[in-house]
Amino acid sequence: MDKTKQYVAMIGGVLGALLLFFQAIGFEISWFNVKTIDAFMNVLLAAVPLAFALYGVYKNQFLLTKKAQKQEEVLKKQGLK
């Protein structure tokens, strides 16, 4: 989770630097401001862990490889699942 926050902070830093660059050259986009950058970072902070959790659930619910399918069969035959 700490690495996720670091990556999101780096993305926010790049967006902030891009905003300052655009302001320095006189190019202004009304919807691209500090508030939208902060909102985007909050969305990323919520979405990235959600994606990891969904992937974990998917991986644990659906057997993706032949080896995992064979292991599932053996466990069922032994009564362990």
C-alpha atoms as a PDB file:
ATOM      1  CA  MET A   1       0.000   0.000   0.000  1.00  0.00           C
ATOM      2  CA  ASP A   2       2.856   2.378   0.713  1.00  0.00           C
ATOM      3  CA  LYS A   3       4.251   1.866  -2.788  1.00  0.00           C
ATOM      4  CA  THR A   4       0.810   2.613  -4.229  1.00  0.00           C
ATOM      5  CA  LYS A   5       0.698   5.913  -2.368  1.00  0.00           C
ATOM      6  CA  GLN A   6       4.197   6.728  -3.616  1.00  0.00           C
ATOM      7  CA  TYR A   7       3.209   6.061  -7.230  1.00  0.00           C
ATOM      8  CA  VAL A   8       0.045   8.146  -6.892  1.00  0.00           C
ATOM      9  CA  ALA A   9       2.094  10.960  -5.334  1.00  0.00           C
ATOM     10  CA  MET A  10       4.541  10.815  -8.251  1.00  0.00           C
ATOM     11  CA  ILE A  11       1.668  11.005 -10.753  1.00  0.00           C
ATOM     12  CA  GLY A  12       0.233  13.961  -8.823  1.00  0.00           C
ATOM     13  CA  GLY A  13       3.631  15.622  -8.816  1.00  0.00           C
ATOM     14  CA  VAL A  14       3.958  15.274 -12.565  1.00  0.00           C
ATOM     15  CA  LEU A  15       0.446  16.649 -13.090  1.00  0.00           C
ATOM     16  CA  GLY A  16       1.250  19.575 -10.770  1.00  0.00           C
ATOM     17  CA  ALA A  17       4.447  20.302 -12.668  1.00  0.00           C
ATOM     18  CA  LEU A  18       2.538  20.091 -15.950  1.00  0.00           C
ATOM     19  CA  LEU A  19      -0.021  22.571 -14.598  1.00  0.00           C
ATOM     20  CA  LEU A  20       2.754  25.003 -13.618  1.00  0.00           C
ATOM     21  CA  PHE A  21       4.401  24.578 -17.028  1.00  0.00           C
ATOM     22  CA  PHE A  22       1.150  25.366 -18.836  1.00  0.00           C
ATOM     23  CA  GLN A  23       0.602  28.413 -16.633  1.00  0.00           C
ATOM     24  CA  ALA A  24       4.163  29.607 -17.306  1.00  0.00           C
ATOM     25  CA  ILE A  25       3.688  29.528 -21.067  1.00  0.00           C
ATOM     26  CA  GLY A  26       0.260  31.184 -20.809  1.00  0.00           C
ATOM     27  CA  PHE A  27      -1.751  28.133 -21.838  1.00  0.00           C
ATOM     28  CA  GLU A  28      -4.671  27.705 -19.470  1.00  0.00           C
ATOM     29  CA  ILE A  29      -7.238  24.934 -19.442  1.00  0.00           C
ATOM     30  CA  SER A  30     -10.150  25.817 -17.170  1.00  0.00           C
ATOM     31  CA  TRP A  31     -10.799  22.276 -15.920  1.00  0.00           C
ATOM     32  CA  PHE A  32      -7.119  21.452 -15.316  1.00  0.00           C
ATOM     33  CA  ASN A  33      -6.367  22.992 -11.932  1.00  0.00           C
ATOM     34  CA  VAL A  34      -5.158  22.050  -8.449  1.00  0.00           C
ATOM     35  CA  LYS A  35      -8.631  20.852  -7.391  1.00  0.00           C
ATOM     36  CA  THR A  36      -8.963  18.450 -10.325  1.00  0.00           C
ATOM     37  CA  ILE A  37      -5.445  17.105  -9.751  1.00  0.00           C
ATOM     38  CA  ASP A  38      -6.246  16.464  -6.075  1.00  0.00           C
ATOM     39  CA  ALA A  39      -9.543  14.806  -7.019  1.00  0.00           C
ATOM     40  CA  PHE A  40      -7.763  12.593  -9.558  1.00  0.00           C
ATOM     41  CA  MET A  41      -5.198  11.557  -6.959  1.00  0.00           C
ATOM     42  CA  ASN A  42      -7.997  10.654  -4.518  1.00  0.00           C
ATOM     43  CA  VAL A  43      -9.651   8.522  -7.178  1.00  0.00           C
ATOM     44  CA  LEU A  44      -6.361   6.738  -7.826  1.00  0.00           C
ATOM     45  CA  LEU A  45      -5.788   6.186  -4.110  1.00  0.00           C
ATOM     46  CA  ALA A  46      -9.166   4.449  -3.943  1.00  0.00           C
ATOM     47  CA  ALA A  47      -9.111   2.664  -7.308  1.00  0.00           C
ATOM     48  CA  VAL A  48      -5.671   1.055  -7.201  1.00  0.00           C
ATOM     49  CA  PRO A  49      -6.235  -0.928  -3.965  1.00  0.00           C
ATOM     50  CA  LEU A  50      -9.686  -1.860  -5.261  1.00  0.00           C
ATOM     51  CA  ALA A  51      -8.123  -3.224  -8.445  1.00  0.00           C
ATOM     52  CA  PHE A  52      -5.630  -5.283  -6.425  1.00  0.00           C
ATOM     53  CA  ALA A  53      -8.419  -6.653  -4.233  1.00  0.00           C
ATOM     54  CA  LEU A  54     -10.602  -7.532  -7.228  1.00  0.00           C
ATOM     55  CA  TYR A  55      -7.673  -9.266  -8.912  1.00  0.00           C
ATOM     56  CA  GLY A  56      -6.996 -11.276  -5.752  1.00  0.00           C
ATOM     57  CA  VAL A  57     -10.628 -12.349  -5.508  1.00  0.00           C
ATOM     58  CA  TYR A  58     -10.687 -13.245  -9.204  1.00  0.00           C
ATOM     59  CA  LYS A  59      -7.475 -15.225  -8.980  1.00  0.00           C
ATOM     60  CA  ASN A  60      -8.661 -17.132  -5.909  1.00  0.00           C
ATOM     61  CA  GLN A  61     -12.121 -17.848  -7.311  1.00  0.00           C
ATOM     62  CA  PHE A  62     -11.225 -18.937 -10.828  1.00  0.00           C
ATOM     63  CA  LEU A  63      -8.505 -21.449 -11.511  1.00  0.00           C
ATOM     64  CA  LEU A  64      -6.379 -19.906 -14.214  1.00  0.00           C
ATOM     65  CA  THR A  65      -3.781 -22.573 -14.981  1.00  0.00           C
ATOM     66  CA  LYS A  66      -3.923 -26.284 -15.745  1.00  0.00           C
ATOM     67  CA  LYS A  67      -1.708 -26.942 -12.722  1.00  0.00           C
ATOM     68  CA  ALA A  68      -4.160 -25.138 -10.440  1.00  0.00           C
ATOM     69  CA  GLN A  69      -7.072 -27.083 -11.915  1.00  0.00           C
ATOM     70  CA  LYS A  70      -5.306 -30.397 -11.306  1.00  0.00           C
ATOM     71  CA  GLN A  71      -4.454 -29.350  -7.753  1.00  0.00           C
ATOM     72  CA  GLU A  72      -8.118 -28.450  -7.174  1.00  0.00           C
ATOM     73  CA  GLU A  73      -9.196 -31.902  -8.353  1.00  0.00           C
ATOM     74  CA  VAL A  74      -6.698 -33.634  -6.038  1.00  0.00           C
ATOM     75  CA  LEU A  75      -7.815 -31.546  -3.061  1.00  0.00           C
ATOM     76  CA  LYS A  76     -11.466 -32.374  -3.737  1.00  0.00           C
ATOM     77  CA  LYS A  77     -10.685 -36.096  -4.019  1.00  0.00           C
ATOM     78  CA  GLN A  78      -8.846 -35.971  -0.687  1.00  0.00           C
ATOM     79  CA  GLY A  79     -11.775 -34.148   0.907  1.00  0.00           C
ATOM     80  CA  LEU A  80      -9.733 -31.087   1.702  1.00  0.00           C
ATOM     81  CA  LYS A  81     -12.017 -28.754  -0.252  1.00  0.00           C
END
